[in-house]
C-alpha atoms as a PDB file:
ATOM      1  CA  MET A   1      32.236  25.636  11.005  1.00  0.00           C
ATOM      2  CA  SER A   2      29.450  23.515   9.380  1.00  0.00           C
ATOM      3  CA  ARG A   3      28.079  25.156   6.297  1.00  0.00           C
ATOM      4  CA  LEU A   4      24.228  26.695   7.189  1.00  0.00           C
ATOM      5  CA  LEU A   5      21.964  25.274   4.501  1.00  0.00           C
ATOM      6  CA  VAL A   6      18.342  25.797   4.455  1.00  0.00           C
ATOM      7  CA  ILE A   7      16.019  23.819   3.500  1.00  0.00           C
ATOM      8  CA  ALA A   8      12.790  25.883   1.292  1.00  0.00           C
ATOM      9  CA  THR A   9       9.816  23.548   2.467  1.00  0.00           C
ATOM     10  CA  ARG A  10       7.936  23.058   5.919  1.00  0.00           C
ATOM     11  CA  ASN A  11       7.252  19.210   4.290  1.00  0.00           C
ATOM     12  CA  PRO A  12       8.844  16.829   6.537  1.00  0.00           C
ATOM     13  CA  HIS A  13       8.853  13.827   4.707  1.00  0.00           C
ATOM     14  CA  LYS A  14      11.042  16.389   2.473  1.00  0.00           C
ATOM     15  CA  MET A  15      13.832  17.394   5.058  1.00  0.00           C
ATOM     16  CA  VAL A  16      13.800  13.413   6.811  1.00  0.00           C
ATOM     17  CA  GLU A  17      15.484  12.291   2.796  1.00  0.00           C
ATOM     18  CA  ILE A  18      17.605  15.105   2.686  1.00  0.00           C
ATOM     19  CA  ARG A  19      18.924  14.908   5.608  1.00  0.00           C
ATOM     20  CA  SER A  20      19.417  11.095   4.602  1.00  0.00           C
ATOM     21  CA  VAL A  21      21.393  11.373   1.912  1.00  0.00           C
ATOM     22  CA  LEU A  22      23.749  14.963   3.805  1.00  0.00           C
ATOM     23  CA  GLU A  23      23.653  13.906   7.195  1.00  0.00           C
ATOM     24  CA  ASP A  24      27.784  12.910   6.622  1.00  0.00           C
ATOM     25  CA  LEU A  25      28.377  16.348   4.746  1.00  0.00           C
ATOM     26  CA  ASP A  26      29.912  19.467   7.313  1.00  0.00           C
ATOM     27  CA  VAL A  27      25.806  20.774   6.872  1.00  0.00           C
ATOM     28  CA  GLU A  28      23.826  21.833   9.348  1.00  0.00           C
ATOM     29  CA  LEU A  29      20.076  21.416   7.506  1.00  0.00           C
ATOM     30  CA  ARG A  30      17.164  24.226   8.467  1.00  0.00           C
ATOM     31  CA  GLY A  31      13.971  24.217   6.784  1.00  0.00           C
ATOM     32  CA  CYS A  32      11.589  27.106   6.239  1.00  0.00           C
ATOM     33  CA  ALA A  33       9.710  26.270  10.049  1.00  0.00           C
ATOM     34  CA  ASP A  34      13.578  27.685  11.745  1.00  0.00           C
ATOM     35  CA  PHE A  35      12.878  31.109  10.367  1.00  0.00           C
ATOM     36  CA  PRO A  36       9.981  33.240  11.398  1.00  0.00           C
ATOM     37  CA  GLY A  37       8.269  35.222   8.617  1.00  0.00           C
ATOM     38  CA  CYS A  38       9.318  32.771   6.478  1.00  0.00           C
ATOM     39  CA  PRO A  39       7.099  33.127   2.801  1.00  0.00           C
ATOM     40  CA  ASP A  40       5.132  30.543   1.597  1.00  0.00           C
ATOM     41  CA  VAL A  41       6.423  30.685  -2.376  1.00  0.00           C
ATOM     42  CA  VAL A  42       3.499  30.547  -4.259  1.00  0.00           C
ATOM     43  CA  GLU A  43       4.495  27.973  -7.004  1.00  0.00           C
ATOM     44  CA  ASP A  44       3.010  29.790 -10.058  1.00  0.00           C
ATOM     45  CA  GLY A  45       5.248  28.158 -12.950  1.00  0.00           C
ATOM     46  CA  ALA A  46       4.467  26.378 -16.062  1.00  0.00           C
ATOM     47  CA  THR A  47       7.643  23.752 -15.159  1.00  0.00           C
ATOM     48  CA  LEU A  48       9.515  22.765 -12.517  1.00  0.00           C
ATOM     49  CA  GLU A  49      13.314  24.179 -13.366  1.00  0.00           C
ATOM     50  CA  ALA A  50      10.658  27.067 -12.895  1.00  0.00           C
ATOM     51  CA  ASN A  51       8.853  26.546  -9.320  1.00  0.00           C
ATOM     52  CA  ALA A  52      12.350  25.249  -8.072  1.00  0.00           C
ATOM     53  CA  THR A  53      13.777  27.861  -8.636  1.00  0.00           C
ATOM     54  CA  LYS A  54      11.305  30.436  -7.707  1.00  0.00           C
ATOM     55  CA  LYS A  55      11.375  28.971  -4.710  1.00  0.00           C
ATOM     56  CA  ALA A  56      14.611  29.059  -3.795  1.00  0.00           C
ATOM     57  CA  ARG A  57      15.876  32.444  -4.941  1.00  0.00           C
ATOM     58  CA  GLU A  58      13.024  34.039  -2.181  1.00  0.00           C
ATOM     59  CA  VAL A  59      13.509  32.617   0.387  1.00  0.00           C
ATOM     60  CA  CYS A  60      17.528  32.559   0.288  1.00  0.00           C
ATOM     61  CA  GLU A  61      16.226  36.531  -0.395  1.00  0.00           C
ATOM     62  CA  TYR A  62      15.079  36.011   2.920  1.00  0.00           C
ATOM     63  CA  THR A  63      17.659  33.892   4.617  1.00  0.00           C
ATOM     64  CA  ARG A  64      20.371  35.742   3.678  1.00  0.00           C
ATOM     65  CA  GLU A  65      21.603  31.962   3.353  1.00  0.00           C
ATOM     66  CA  TRP A  66      22.054  29.305   1.284  1.00  0.00           C
ATOM     67  CA  THR A  67      19.315  27.305   0.416  1.00  0.00           C
ATOM     68  CA  LEU A  68      17.911  24.902  -1.903  1.00  0.00           C
ATOM     69  CA  ALA A  69      14.963  23.421  -3.184  1.00  0.00           C
ATOM     70  CA  ASP A  70      12.794  21.466  -5.045  1.00  0.00           C
ATOM     71  CA  ASP A  71       9.789  20.667  -6.979  1.00  0.00           C
ATOM     72  CA  THR A  72       8.822  17.022  -8.199  1.00  0.00           C
ATOM     73  CA  GLY A  73       5.872  16.622 -10.679  1.00  0.00           C
ATOM     74  CA  LEU A  74       4.359  12.711 -12.039  1.00  0.00           C
ATOM     75  CA  GLU A  75       3.931  12.440 -15.785  1.00  0.00           C
ATOM     76  CA  VAL A  76       1.407  10.108 -16.078  1.00  0.00           C
ATOM     77  CA  ASP A  77       1.218   9.667 -20.713  1.00  0.00           C
ATOM     78  CA  ALA A  78      -2.254   8.096 -20.593  1.00  0.00           C
ATOM     79  CA  LEU A  79      -3.104  11.672 -19.075  1.00  0.00           C
ATOM     80  CA  GLY A  80      -0.829  14.006 -20.951  1.00  0.00           C
ATOM     81  CA  GLY A  81       1.645  14.631 -18.526  1.00  0.00           C
ATOM     82  CA  ALA A  82      -0.766  15.558 -15.946  1.00  0.00           C
ATOM     83  CA  PRO A  83      -0.091  16.039 -13.266  1.00  0.00           C
ATOM     84  CA  GLY A  84       2.900  17.310 -13.611  1.00  0.00           C
ATOM     85  CA  VAL A  85       3.965  20.874 -12.351  1.00  0.00           C
ATOM     86  CA  TYR A  86       0.246  20.277 -10.210  1.00  0.00           C
ATOM     87  CA  SER A  87       1.968  16.940  -8.902  1.00  0.00           C
ATOM     88  CA  ALA A  88       0.846  18.353  -4.932  1.00  0.00           C
ATOM     89  CA  ARG A  89      -1.764  19.747  -5.576  1.00  0.00           C
ATOM     90  CA  TRP A  90      -3.866  17.712  -8.228  1.00  0.00           C
ATOM     91  CA  ALA A  91      -7.049  16.640  -6.178  1.00  0.00           C
ATOM     92  CA  GLY A  92      -7.562  20.525  -5.714  1.00  0.00           C
ATOM     93  CA  PRO A  93      -5.972  23.064  -2.350  1.00  0.00           C
ATOM     94  CA  ASP A  94      -5.840  21.295   1.050  1.00  0.00           C
ATOM     95  CA  CYS A  95      -6.169  17.749  -0.621  1.00  0.00           C
ATOM     96  CA  THR A  96      -3.980  14.677   1.289  1.00  0.00           C
ATOM     97  CA  TYR A  97      -1.928  12.473  -0.746  1.00  0.00           C
ATOM     98  CA  ASP A  98      -4.538  10.049  -0.638  1.00  0.00           C
ATOM     99  CA  ASP A  99      -6.795  12.467  -1.872  1.00  0.00           C
ATOM    100  CA  ASN A 100      -4.023  12.808  -4.907  1.00  0.00           C
ATOM    101  CA  ASN A 101      -4.003   9.146  -4.972  1.00  0.00           C
ATOM    102  CA  ASP A 102      -7.504   7.943  -4.928  1.00  0.00           C
ATOM    103  CA  LYS A 103      -8.943  10.410  -7.974  1.00  0.00           C
ATOM    104  CA  LEU A 104      -5.259   8.825  -9.667  1.00  0.00           C
ATOM    105  CA  LEU A 105      -6.556   5.843  -9.637  1.00  0.00           C
ATOM    106  CA  ARG A 106     -10.434   7.156 -10.744  1.00  0.00           C
ATOM    107  CA  GLU A 107      -8.656   8.733 -13.731  1.00  0.00           C
ATOM    108  CA  LEU A 108      -7.081   5.986 -15.093  1.00  0.00           C
ATOM    109  CA  ALA A 109      -9.843   3.260 -13.918  1.00  0.00           C
ATOM    110  CA  SER A 110      -9.702   2.298 -17.463  1.00  0.00           C
ATOM    111  CA  VAL A 111      -6.753   2.475 -18.764  1.00  0.00           C
ATOM    112  CA  PRO A 112      -4.380  -1.241 -19.328  1.00  0.00           C
ATOM    113  CA  HIS A 113      -1.818  -1.676 -16.996  1.00  0.00           C
ATOM    114  CA  ASP A 114       0.776  -1.588 -20.016  1.00  0.00           C
ATOM    115  CA  GLN A 115      -0.282   1.396 -21.367  1.00  0.00           C
ATOM    116  CA  ARG A 116       0.051   3.410 -17.487  1.00  0.00           C
ATOM    117  CA  THR A 117       3.506   4.454 -18.414  1.00  0.00           C
ATOM    118  CA  ALA A 118       4.516   6.899 -16.130  1.00  0.00           C
ATOM    119  CA  ARG A 119       7.895   9.147 -14.230  1.00  0.00           C
ATOM    120  CA  PHE A 120       8.590  10.736 -11.775  1.00  0.00           C
ATOM    121  CA  ARG A 121      10.961  14.276 -12.333  1.00  0.00           C
ATOM    122  CA  CYS A 122      12.296  16.006  -9.985  1.00  0.00           C
ATOM    123  CA  VAL A 123      14.310  19.522 -10.090  1.00  0.00           C
ATOM    124  CA  MET A 124      16.374  21.325  -7.344  1.00  0.00           C
ATOM    125  CA  ALA A 125      18.140  24.811  -7.063  1.00  0.00           C
ATOM    126  CA  LEU A 126      20.370  25.832  -5.423  1.00  0.00           C
ATOM    127  CA  ALA A 127      20.871  29.409  -4.676  1.00  0.00           C
ATOM    128  CA  LEU A 128      23.266  32.047  -3.008  1.00  0.00           C
ATOM    129  CA  PRO A 129      22.709  34.975  -1.854  1.00  0.00           C
ATOM    130  CA  ALA A 130      24.383  37.877  -4.357  1.00  0.00           C
ATOM    131  CA  THR A 131      27.094  39.951  -2.277  1.00  0.00           C
ATOM    132  CA  GLY A 132      25.808  42.813  -0.792  1.00  0.00           C
ATOM    133  CA  ARG A 133      21.560  44.051  -0.731  1.00  0.00           C
ATOM    134  CA  GLY A 134      19.031  43.208  -3.592  1.00  0.00           C
ATOM    135  CA  ALA A 135      17.815  39.690  -5.124  1.00  0.00           C
ATOM    136  CA  THR A 136      19.823  37.108  -6.433  1.00  0.00           C
ATOM    137  CA  SER A 137      20.976  37.306  -9.367  1.00  0.00           C
ATOM    138  CA  GLU A 138      20.336  34.269 -11.810  1.00  0.00           C
ATOM    139  CA  SER A 139      24.083  33.480 -11.766  1.00  0.00           C
ATOM    140  CA  ALA A 140      23.818  32.126  -8.179  1.00  0.00           C
ATOM    141  CA  ILE A 141      21.094  29.435  -8.919  1.00  0.00           C
ATOM    142  CA  GLU A 142      22.080  25.931  -9.723  1.00  0.00           C
ATOM    143  CA  LEU A 143      19.816  22.888 -10.769  1.00  0.00           C
ATOM    144  CA  PHE A 144      20.070  20.045 -10.617  1.00  0.00           C
ATOM    145  CA  ALA A 145      17.890  17.084 -11.744  1.00  0.00           C
ATOM    146  CA  GLY A 146      16.647  13.230 -11.242  1.00  0.00           C
ATOM    147  CA  ARG A 147      13.947  11.144 -12.815  1.00  0.00           C
ATOM    148  CA  LEU A 148      12.526   7.454 -12.426  1.00  0.00           C
ATOM    149  CA  ASP A 149      10.347   5.716 -14.868  1.00  0.00           C
ATOM    150  CA  GLY A 150       7.733   3.203 -13.838  1.00  0.00           C
ATOM    151  CA  ARG A 151       4.183   2.904 -14.203  1.00  0.00           C
ATOM    152  CA  ILE A 152       1.193   3.380 -12.315  1.00  0.00           C
ATOM    153  CA  ALA A 153      -0.519  -0.193 -10.139  1.00  0.00           C
ATOM    154  CA  SER A 154      -3.847  -0.353 -10.259  1.00  0.00           C
ATOM    155  CA  ALA A 155      -3.993  -0.452  -6.419  1.00  0.00           C
ATOM    156  CA  LYS A 156      -1.686   1.567  -2.697  1.00  0.00           C
ATOM    157  CA  ARG A 157       0.945  -0.837  -1.791  1.00  0.00           C
ATOM    158  CA  GLY A 158       3.243  -0.382   0.579  1.00  0.00           C
ATOM    159  CA  ALA A 159       3.433   1.715   3.794  1.00  0.00           C
ATOM    160  CA  GLY A 160       6.370   3.665   3.255  1.00  0.00           C
ATOM    161  CA  GLY A 161       7.774   6.835   1.793  1.00  0.00           C
ATOM    162  CA  PHE A 162       4.797   9.816   0.825  1.00  0.00           C
ATOM    163  CA  GLY A 163       2.581  11.196  -2.511  1.00  0.00           C
ATOM    164  CA  TYR A 164       2.575   8.757  -5.306  1.00  0.00           C
ATOM    165  CA  ASP A 165       4.738   6.492  -4.030  1.00  0.00           C
ATOM    166  CA  PRO A 166       2.448   3.683  -3.379  1.00  0.00           C
ATOM    167  CA  LEU A 167       1.179   3.897  -6.918  1.00  0.00           C
ATOM    168  CA  PHE A 168       4.332   4.123  -8.284  1.00  0.00           C
ATOM    169  CA  GLU A 169       5.807   1.209 -10.047  1.00  0.00           C
ATOM    170  CA  ILE A 170       9.174   1.014 -10.383  1.00  0.00           C
ATOM    171  CA  ARG A 171      10.563  -0.177 -13.880  1.00  0.00           C
ATOM    172  CA  GLY A 172      12.220  -3.305 -13.692  1.00  0.00           C
ATOM    173  CA  ALA A 173      12.034  -3.081  -9.668  1.00  0.00           C
ATOM    174  CA  GLY A 174       8.454  -5.413  -9.293  1.00  0.00           C
ATOM    175  CA  CYS A 175       7.673  -2.916  -6.533  1.00  0.00           C
ATOM    176  CA  THR A 176       6.043   0.183  -5.170  1.00  0.00           C
ATOM    177  CA  LEU A 177       8.183   3.101  -3.976  1.00  0.00           C
ATOM    178  CA  ALA A 178       5.939   2.314  -1.293  1.00  0.00           C
ATOM    179  CA  GLU A 179       6.914  -1.453  -0.374  1.00  0.00           C
ATOM    180  CA  LEU A 180      11.072  -0.026  -0.577  1.00  0.00           C
ATOM    181  CA  PRO A 181      13.178   0.734   2.619  1.00  0.00           C
ATOM    182  CA  ALA A 182      13.817   3.834   3.501  1.00  0.00           C
ATOM    183  CA  PRO A 183      17.614   3.674   2.386  1.00  0.00           C
ATOM    184  CA  ARG A 184      17.098   2.053  -1.064  1.00  0.00           C
ATOM    185  CA  LYS A 185      14.375   3.826  -2.547  1.00  0.00           C
ATOM    186  CA  ASN A 186      17.055   7.162  -1.231  1.00  0.00           C
ATOM    187  CA  GLN A 187      19.372   5.580  -3.307  1.00  0.00           C
ATOM    188  CA  ILE A 188      17.107   5.037  -6.394  1.00  0.00           C
ATOM    189  CA  SER A 189      14.289   7.841  -6.453  1.00  0.00           C
ATOM    190  CA  HIS A 190      14.029  10.754  -8.973  1.00  0.00           C
ATOM    191  CA  ARG A 191      14.639  13.120  -5.240  1.00  0.00           C
ATOM    192  CA  GLY A 192      17.668  10.729  -4.346  1.00  0.00           C
ATOM    193  CA  ARG A 193      18.889  11.008  -7.472  1.00  0.00           C
ATOM    194  CA  ALA A 194      18.928  14.686  -7.794  1.00  0.00           C
ATOM    195  CA  LEU A 195      20.662  14.417  -4.329  1.00  0.00           C
ATOM    196  CA  GLN A 196      23.260  13.038  -5.268  1.00  0.00           C
ATOM    197  CA  ALA A 197      24.380  15.187  -7.670  1.00  0.00           C
ATOM    198  CA  PHE A 198      23.602  18.391  -5.825  1.00  0.00           C
ATOM    199  CA  ARG A 199      25.576  16.124  -3.212  1.00  0.00           C
ATOM    200  CA  THR A 200      29.004  16.703  -5.590  1.00  0.00           C
ATOM    201  CA  ALA A 201      27.875  19.727  -6.354  1.00  0.00           C
ATOM    202  CA  LEU A 202      28.027  20.922  -2.547  1.00  0.00           C
ATOM    203  CA  GLN A 203      31.168  18.524  -1.649  1.00  0.00           C
ATOM    204  CA  VAL A 204      33.304  20.980  -4.099  1.00  0.00           C
ATOM    205  CA  ARG A 205      31.598  23.702  -3.043  1.00  0.00           C
ATOM    206  CA  LEU A 206      33.092  23.685   0.349  1.00  0.00           C
ATOM    207  CA  SER A 207      35.919  22.463   0.131  1.00  0.00           C
ATOM    208  CA  SER A 208      36.563  25.396  -2.433  1.00  0.00           C
ATOM    209  CA  SER A 209      34.233  27.437  -0.202  1.00  0.00           C
ATOM    210  CA  VAL A 210      33.638  29.612  -4.249  1.00  0.00           C
ATOM    211  CA  ALA A 211      29.491  29.199  -4.980  1.00  0.00           C
ATOM    212  CA  PRO A 212      27.746  29.016  -8.346  1.00  0.00           C
ATOM    213  CA  GLY A 213      28.370  32.156 -10.240  1.00  0.00           C
ATOM    214  CA  GLY A 214      32.115  32.483  -9.596  1.00  0.00           C
ATOM    215  CA  ARG A 215      31.374  33.883  -6.078  1.00  0.00           C
ATOM    216  CA  ASP A 216      34.781  33.679  -3.229  1.00  0.00           C
ATOM    217  CA  ASP A 217      32.352  32.845   0.109  1.00  0.00           C
END
């Protein structure tokens, strides 16, 4: 019987990327939209790790299922590491991807190309239901991280990906993330790298049926 894994997101683009990496494993993936009443978690943590952990724990407590959550941030050196944890909503409430990209271009308008260095970081958190009722314990959380270095282009390029992908030039690749075919992006991206680390750990969990923290499921 397939292991049910809840992905703590309503973002269809993230679901597609995660499915592509985990599709050959014996898991059934569902998103928050598949659980009526599933909470929209407020991402008010000061770090990616805190936000990913909070999302995974709260959705896990609601669904009582293994839950994977992520938080991703774009860190631009010329902006002191911004937008960071505010990447998804940098241009304001209900902003679009284009809104965020346009704001980034405005903020960096006077910054030379060689000073537009940046990185994407992704942190994923796996939460496992605690035995019996009550909150998920700290020991039931496992973190996985991925990073991709590059710089911010002066104009959007490419039709693939989402978010800041059209502006993120991959170091040494000569292209933006949005110019890569999806399979290649999933191999090298920050989220792809975090997912590969998670995938390796998940294979162990599925074969041993032992959850993080030593809980025998």
